[in-house]
Amino acid sequence: MPPKKAETTEKKKKSSRGGTKKISHYNKFVQQELARLKADDPSMSHTERFKLAAQNWKKSKENPKATA
């Protein structure tokens, strides 16, 4: 058997054309918001954090469709 390849810790998302995908404004916001919410309240479930992040996105300045 050939030796196993070492797994890399860094993963890149690739599009069907072979290039890397840009992270959308929404995905970037949610990543940051989930990290912030987890730091504020580590005992909160992921589901609850995600619900709050989605609600915060609706009001966010970064959201191009946010109502004023």
PDB file of N, CA and C in Angstrom:
ATOM      1  N   MET A   1       0.834  -1.193   0.000  1.00  0.00           N
ATOM      2  CA  MET A   1       0.000   0.000   0.000  1.00  0.00           C
ATOM      3  C   MET A   1       0.872   1.247   0.000  1.00  0.00           C
ATOM      4  N   PRO A   2       0.493   2.230  -0.806  1.00  0.00           N
ATOM      5  CA  PRO A   2       1.255   3.477  -0.799  1.00  0.00           C
ATOM      6  C   PRO A   2       0.987   4.255   0.489  1.00  0.00           C
ATOM      7  N   PRO A   3       1.947   5.058   0.934  1.00  0.00           N
ATOM      8  CA  PRO A   3       1.741   5.843   2.154  1.00  0.00           C
ATOM      9  C   PRO A   3       0.650   6.890   1.946  1.00  0.00           C
ATOM     10  N   LYS A   4      -0.061   7.183   3.025  1.00  0.00           N
ATOM     11  CA  LYS A   4      -1.136   8.172   2.947  1.00  0.00           C
ATOM     12  C   LYS A   4      -0.557   9.568   2.810  1.00  0.00           C
ATOM     13  N   LYS A   5      -1.237  10.398   2.051  1.00  0.00           N
ATOM     14  CA  LYS A   5      -0.813  11.787   1.886  1.00  0.00           C
ATOM     15  C   LYS A   5      -1.234  12.582   3.110  1.00  0.00           C
ATOM     16  N   ALA A   6      -0.387  13.498   3.511  1.00  0.00           N
ATOM     17  CA  ALA A   6      -0.714  14.365   4.643  1.00  0.00           C
ATOM     18  C   ALA A   6      -1.796  15.342   4.200  1.00  0.00           C
ATOM     19  N   GLU A   7      -2.806  15.491   5.052  1.00  0.00           N
ATOM     20  CA  GLU A   7      -3.893  16.403   4.723  1.00  0.00           C
ATOM     21  C   GLU A   7      -3.464  17.835   5.016  1.00  0.00           C
ATOM     22  N   THR A   8      -3.828  18.721   4.148  1.00  0.00           N
ATOM     23  CA  THR A   8      -3.539  20.129   4.402  1.00  0.00           C
ATOM     24  C   THR A   8      -4.665  20.717   5.225  1.00  0.00           C
ATOM     25  N   THR A   9      -4.317  21.648   6.088  1.00  0.00           N
ATOM     26  CA  THR A   9      -5.332  22.251   6.947  1.00  0.00           C
ATOM     27  C   THR A   9      -6.069  23.362   6.227  1.00  0.00           C
ATOM     28  N   GLU A  10      -5.500  23.882   5.181  1.00  0.00           N
ATOM     29  CA  GLU A  10      -6.126  24.988   4.457  1.00  0.00           C
ATOM     30  C   GLU A  10      -6.836  24.454   3.223  1.00  0.00           C
ATOM     31  N   LYS A  11      -8.127  24.714   3.137  1.00  0.00           N
ATOM     32  CA  LYS A  11      -8.901  24.264   1.983  1.00  0.00           C
ATOM     33  C   LYS A  11      -9.370  25.469   1.196  1.00  0.00           C
ATOM     34  N   LYS A  12      -9.316  25.358  -0.102  1.00  0.00           N
ATOM     35  CA  LYS A  12      -9.782  26.429  -0.973  1.00  0.00           C
ATOM     36  C   LYS A  12     -10.997  25.939  -1.738  1.00  0.00           C
ATOM     37  N   LYS A  13     -11.969  26.803  -1.872  1.00  0.00           N
ATOM     38  CA  LYS A  13     -13.137  26.469  -2.675  1.00  0.00           C
ATOM     39  C   LYS A  13     -12.799  26.782  -4.118  1.00  0.00           C
ATOM     40  N   LYS A  14     -13.098  25.861  -4.984  1.00  0.00           N
ATOM     41  CA  LYS A  14     -12.826  26.078  -6.399  1.00  0.00           C
ATOM     42  C   LYS A  14     -14.116  26.059  -7.187  1.00  0.00           C
ATOM     43  N   SER A  15     -14.178  26.918  -8.161  1.00  0.00           N
ATOM     44  CA  SER A  15     -15.353  26.943  -9.026  1.00  0.00           C
ATOM     45  C   SER A  15     -15.208  25.845 -10.069  1.00  0.00           C
ATOM     46  N   SER A  16     -16.247  25.656 -10.838  1.00  0.00           N
ATOM     47  CA  SER A  16     -16.229  24.607 -11.851  1.00  0.00           C
ATOM     48  C   SER A  16     -15.210  24.888 -12.949  1.00  0.00           C
ATOM     49  N   ARG A  17     -14.782  26.143 -13.046  1.00  0.00           N
ATOM     50  CA  ARG A  17     -13.806  26.506 -14.070  1.00  0.00           C
ATOM     51  C   ARG A  17     -12.368  26.411 -13.561  1.00  0.00           C
ATOM     52  N   GLY A  18     -12.186  26.019 -12.323  1.00  0.00           N
ATOM     53  CA  GLY A  18     -10.840  25.810 -11.819  1.00  0.00           C
ATOM     54  C   GLY A  18     -10.296  26.951 -10.977  1.00  0.00           C
ATOM     55  N   GLY A  19     -10.904  28.116 -11.013  1.00  0.00           N
ATOM     56  CA  GLY A  19     -10.437  29.241 -10.206  1.00  0.00           C
ATOM     57  C   GLY A  19     -11.057  29.212  -8.830  1.00  0.00           C
ATOM     58  N   THR A  20     -10.580  30.074  -7.955  1.00  0.00           N
ATOM     59  CA  THR A  20     -11.178  30.131  -6.620  1.00  0.00           C
ATOM     60  C   THR A  20     -12.381  31.065  -6.643  1.00  0.00           C
ATOM     61  N   LYS A  21     -13.381  30.741  -5.819  1.00  0.00           N
ATOM     62  CA  LYS A  21     -14.602  31.541  -5.757  1.00  0.00           C
ATOM     63  C   LYS A  21     -14.397  32.723  -4.825  1.00  0.00           C
ATOM     64  N   LYS A  22     -15.064  33.816  -5.131  1.00  0.00           N
ATOM     65  CA  LYS A  22     -15.089  34.940  -4.214  1.00  0.00           C
ATOM     66  C   LYS A  22     -16.148  34.670  -3.162  1.00  0.00           C
ATOM     67  N   ILE A  23     -15.855  35.047  -1.930  1.00  0.00           N
ATOM     68  CA  ILE A  23     -16.832  34.894  -0.862  1.00  0.00           C
ATOM     69  C   ILE A  23     -17.819  36.052  -0.981  1.00  0.00           C
ATOM     70  N   SER A  24     -19.100  35.744  -0.936  1.00  0.00           N
ATOM     71  CA  SER A  24     -20.125  36.781  -1.054  1.00  0.00           C
ATOM     72  C   SER A  24     -20.129  37.646   0.195  1.00  0.00           C
ATOM     73  N   HIS A  25     -20.722  38.822   0.086  1.00  0.00           N
ATOM     74  CA  HIS A  25     -20.834  39.729   1.230  1.00  0.00           C
ATOM     75  C   HIS A  25     -21.578  39.040   2.367  1.00  0.00           C
ATOM     76  N   TYR A  26     -22.616  38.286   2.023  1.00  0.00           N
ATOM     77  CA  TYR A  26     -23.408  37.579   3.026  1.00  0.00           C
ATOM     78  C   TYR A  26     -22.561  36.544   3.768  1.00  0.00           C
ATOM     79  N   ASN A  27     -21.827  35.718   3.016  1.00  0.00           N
ATOM     80  CA  ASN A  27     -21.018  34.681   3.646  1.00  0.00           C
ATOM     81  C   ASN A  27     -19.937  35.272   4.537  1.00  0.00           C
ATOM     82  N   LYS A  28     -19.314  36.344   4.087  1.00  0.00           N
ATOM     83  CA  LYS A  28     -18.285  36.995   4.891  1.00  0.00           C
ATOM     84  C   LYS A  28     -18.896  37.554   6.179  1.00  0.00           C
ATOM     85  N   PHE A  29     -20.058  38.197   6.060  1.00  0.00           N
ATOM     86  CA  PHE A  29     -20.743  38.757   7.226  1.00  0.00           C
ATOM     87  C   PHE A  29     -21.100  37.645   8.210  1.00  0.00           C
ATOM     88  N   VAL A  30     -21.653  36.539   7.710  1.00  0.00           N
ATOM     89  CA  VAL A  30     -22.086  35.453   8.579  1.00  0.00           C
ATOM     90  C   VAL A  30     -20.885  34.829   9.299  1.00  0.00           C
ATOM     91  N   GLN A  31     -19.776  34.641   8.612  1.00  0.00           N
ATOM     92  CA  GLN A  31     -18.583  34.098   9.253  1.00  0.00           C
ATOM     93  C   GLN A  31     -18.153  34.972  10.429  1.00  0.00           C
ATOM     94  N   GLN A  32     -18.093  36.276  10.191  1.00  0.00           N
ATOM     95  CA  GLN A  32     -17.676  37.202  11.237  1.00  0.00           C
ATOM     96  C   GLN A  32     -18.702  37.261  12.366  1.00  0.00           C
ATOM     97  N   GLU A  33     -19.962  37.263  12.005  1.00  0.00           N
ATOM     98  CA  GLU A  33     -21.034  37.376  12.994  1.00  0.00           C
ATOM     99  C   GLU A  33     -21.110  36.120  13.866  1.00  0.00           C
ATOM    100  N   LEU A  34     -20.960  34.955  13.281  1.00  0.00           N
ATOM    101  CA  LEU A  34     -20.980  33.720  14.061  1.00  0.00           C
ATOM    102  C   LEU A  34     -19.817  33.686  15.052  1.00  0.00           C
ATOM    103  N   ALA A  35     -18.647  34.130  14.605  1.00  0.00           N
ATOM    104  CA  ALA A  35     -17.486  34.167  15.505  1.00  0.00           C
ATOM    105  C   ALA A  35     -17.726  35.149  16.650  1.00  0.00           C
ATOM    106  N   ARG A  36     -18.302  36.317  16.348  1.00  0.00           N
ATOM    107  CA  ARG A  36     -18.576  37.318  17.376  1.00  0.00           C
ATOM    108  C   ARG A  36     -19.604  36.803  18.380  1.00  0.00           C
ATOM    109  N   LEU A  37     -20.671  36.199  17.877  1.00  0.00           N
ATOM    110  CA  LEU A  37     -21.717  35.678  18.758  1.00  0.00           C
ATOM    111  C   LEU A  37     -21.196  34.531  19.626  1.00  0.00           C
ATOM    112  N   LYS A  38     -20.329  33.711  19.070  1.00  0.00           N
ATOM    113  CA  LYS A  38     -19.766  32.599  19.839  1.00  0.00           C
ATOM    114  C   LYS A  38     -18.866  33.127  20.953  1.00  0.00           C
ATOM    115  N   ALA A  39     -18.107  34.185  20.665  1.00  0.00           N
ATOM    116  CA  ALA A  39     -17.244  34.778  21.688  1.00  0.00           C
ATOM    117  C   ALA A  39     -18.086  35.419  22.792  1.00  0.00           C
ATOM    118  N   ASP A  40     -19.203  36.038  22.414  1.00  0.00           N
ATOM    119  CA  ASP A  40     -20.076  36.692  23.396  1.00  0.00           C
ATOM    120  C   ASP A  40     -20.793  35.677  24.281  1.00  0.00           C
ATOM    121  N   ASP A  41     -21.262  34.576  23.708  1.00  0.00           N
ATOM    122  CA  ASP A  41     -22.027  33.579  24.467  1.00  0.00           C
ATOM    123  C   ASP A  41     -21.691  32.180  23.954  1.00  0.00           C
ATOM    124  N   PRO A  42     -20.628  31.565  24.475  1.00  0.00           N
ATOM    125  CA  PRO A  42     -20.212  30.246  23.990  1.00  0.00           C
ATOM    126  C   PRO A  42     -21.232  29.129  24.226  1.00  0.00           C
ATOM    127  N   SER A  43     -22.139  29.318  25.173  1.00  0.00           N
ATOM    128  CA  SER A  43     -23.102  28.268  25.463  1.00  0.00           C
ATOM    129  C   SER A  43     -24.282  28.253  24.489  1.00  0.00           C
ATOM    130  N   MET A  44     -24.423  29.286  23.664  1.00  0.00           N
ATOM    131  CA  MET A  44     -25.527  29.363  22.705  1.00  0.00           C
ATOM    132  C   MET A  44     -25.318  28.324  21.598  1.00  0.00           C
ATOM    133  N   SER A  45     -26.394  27.682  21.173  1.00  0.00           N
ATOM    134  CA  SER A  45     -26.287  26.667  20.120  1.00  0.00           C
ATOM    135  C   SER A  45     -25.985  27.334  18.767  1.00  0.00           C
ATOM    136  N   HIS A  46     -25.420  26.542  17.878  1.00  0.00           N
ATOM    137  CA  HIS A  46     -25.091  27.047  16.540  1.00  0.00           C
ATOM    138  C   HIS A  46     -26.356  27.515  15.824  1.00  0.00           C
ATOM    139  N   THR A  47     -27.432  26.786  15.995  1.00  0.00           N
ATOM    140  CA  THR A  47     -28.698  27.137  15.352  1.00  0.00           C
ATOM    141  C   THR A  47     -29.165  28.518  15.790  1.00  0.00           C
ATOM    142  N   GLU A  48     -29.103  28.779  17.086  1.00  0.00           N
ATOM    143  CA  GLU A  48     -29.517  30.082  17.601  1.00  0.00           C
ATOM    144  C   GLU A  48     -28.590  31.190  17.107  1.00  0.00           C
ATOM    145  N   ARG A  49     -27.279  30.916  17.095  1.00  0.00           N
ATOM    146  CA  ARG A  49     -26.326  31.922  16.591  1.00  0.00           C
ATOM    147  C   ARG A  49     -26.617  32.240  15.134  1.00  0.00           C
ATOM    148  N   PHE A  50     -26.921  31.208  14.351  1.00  0.00           N
ATOM    149  CA  PHE A  50     -27.184  31.416  12.926  1.00  0.00           C
ATOM    150  C   PHE A  50     -28.457  32.230  12.725  1.00  0.00           C
ATOM    151  N   LYS A  51     -29.479  31.972  13.531  1.00  0.00           N
ATOM    152  CA  LYS A  51     -30.715  32.750  13.440  1.00  0.00           C
ATOM    153  C   LYS A  51     -30.444  34.223  13.731  1.00  0.00           C
ATOM    154  N   LEU A  52     -29.663  34.488  14.780  1.00  0.00           N
ATOM    155  CA  LEU A  52     -29.329  35.873  15.122  1.00  0.00           C
ATOM    156  C   LEU A  52     -28.499  36.525  14.019  1.00  0.00           C
ATOM    157  N   ALA A  53     -27.558  35.775  13.455  1.00  0.00           N
ATOM    158  CA  ALA A  53     -26.726  36.310  12.380  1.00  0.00           C
ATOM    159  C   ALA A  53     -27.587  36.680  11.169  1.00  0.00           C
ATOM    160  N   ALA A  54     -28.564  35.845  10.841  1.00  0.00           N
ATOM    161  CA  ALA A  54     -29.458  36.131   9.715  1.00  0.00           C
ATOM    162  C   ALA A  54     -30.311  37.367   9.988  1.00  0.00           C
ATOM    163  N   GLN A  55     -30.794  37.511  11.229  1.00  0.00           N
ATOM    164  CA  GLN A  55     -31.573  38.702  11.588  1.00  0.00           C
ATOM    165  C   GLN A  55     -30.707  39.954  11.511  1.00  0.00           C
ATOM    166  N   ASN A  56     -29.460  39.839  11.973  1.00  0.00           N
ATOM    167  CA  ASN A  56     -28.544  40.977  11.935  1.00  0.00           C
ATOM    168  C   ASN A  56     -28.184  41.352  10.505  1.00  0.00           C
ATOM    169  N   TRP A  57     -28.131  40.361   9.605  1.00  0.00           N
ATOM    170  CA  TRP A  57     -27.828  40.631   8.202  1.00  0.00           C
ATOM    171  C   TRP A  57     -28.924  41.502   7.573  1.00  0.00           C
ATOM    172  N   LYS A  58     -30.166  41.269   7.952  1.00  0.00           N
ATOM    173  CA  LYS A  58     -31.275  42.045   7.395  1.00  0.00           C
ATOM    174  C   LYS A  58     -31.129  43.526   7.691  1.00  0.00           C
ATOM    175  N   LYS A  59     -30.516  43.858   8.838  1.00  0.00           N
ATOM    176  CA  LYS A  59     -30.363  45.256   9.246  1.00  0.00           C
ATOM    177  C   LYS A  59     -28.972  45.810   8.961  1.00  0.00           C
ATOM    178  N   SER A  60     -28.076  44.986   8.472  1.00  0.00           N
ATOM    179  CA  SER A  60     -26.675  45.368   8.302  1.00  0.00           C
ATOM    180  C   SER A  60     -26.460  46.382   7.179  1.00  0.00           C
ATOM    181  N   LYS A  61     -25.481  47.242   7.378  1.00  0.00           N
ATOM    182  CA  LYS A  61     -25.103  48.207   6.327  1.00  0.00           C
ATOM    183  C   LYS A  61     -24.440  47.501   5.163  1.00  0.00           C
ATOM    184  N   GLU A  62     -23.840  46.343   5.420  1.00  0.00           N
ATOM    185  CA  GLU A  62     -23.154  45.583   4.374  1.00  0.00           C
ATOM    186  C   GLU A  62     -24.130  44.908   3.422  1.00  0.00           C
ATOM    187  N   ASN A  63     -25.400  44.798   3.811  1.00  0.00           N
ATOM    188  CA  ASN A  63     -26.413  44.153   2.994  1.00  0.00           C
ATOM    189  C   ASN A  63     -26.918  45.144   1.954  1.00  0.00           C
ATOM    190  N   PRO A  64     -26.711  44.877   0.675  1.00  0.00           N
ATOM    191  CA  PRO A  64     -27.180  45.808  -0.351  1.00  0.00           C
ATOM    192  C   PRO A  64     -28.701  45.912  -0.432  1.00  0.00           C
ATOM    193  N   LYS A  65     -29.412  44.920   0.089  1.00  0.00           N
ATOM    194  CA  LYS A  65     -30.889  44.940   0.029  1.00  0.00           C
ATOM    195  C   LYS A  65     -31.517  45.379   1.334  1.00  0.00           C
ATOM    196  N   ALA A  66     -30.709  45.812   2.287  1.00  0.00           N
ATOM    197  CA  ALA A  66     -31.237  46.227   3.591  1.00  0.00           C
ATOM    198  C   ALA A  66     -32.104  47.477   3.425  1.00  0.00           C
ATOM    199  N   THR A  67     -33.209  47.478   4.152  1.00  0.00           N
ATOM    200  CA  THR A  67     -34.079  48.646   4.111  1.00  0.00           C
ATOM    201  C   THR A  67     -33.577  49.664   5.121  1.00  0.00           C
ATOM    202  N   ALA A  68     -33.710  50.900   4.776  1.00  0.00           N
ATOM    203  CA  ALA A  68     -33.187  51.969   5.632  1.00  0.00           C
ATOM    204  C   ALA A  68     -34.031  52.229   6.830  1.00  0.00           C
TER     205      ALA A  68
END
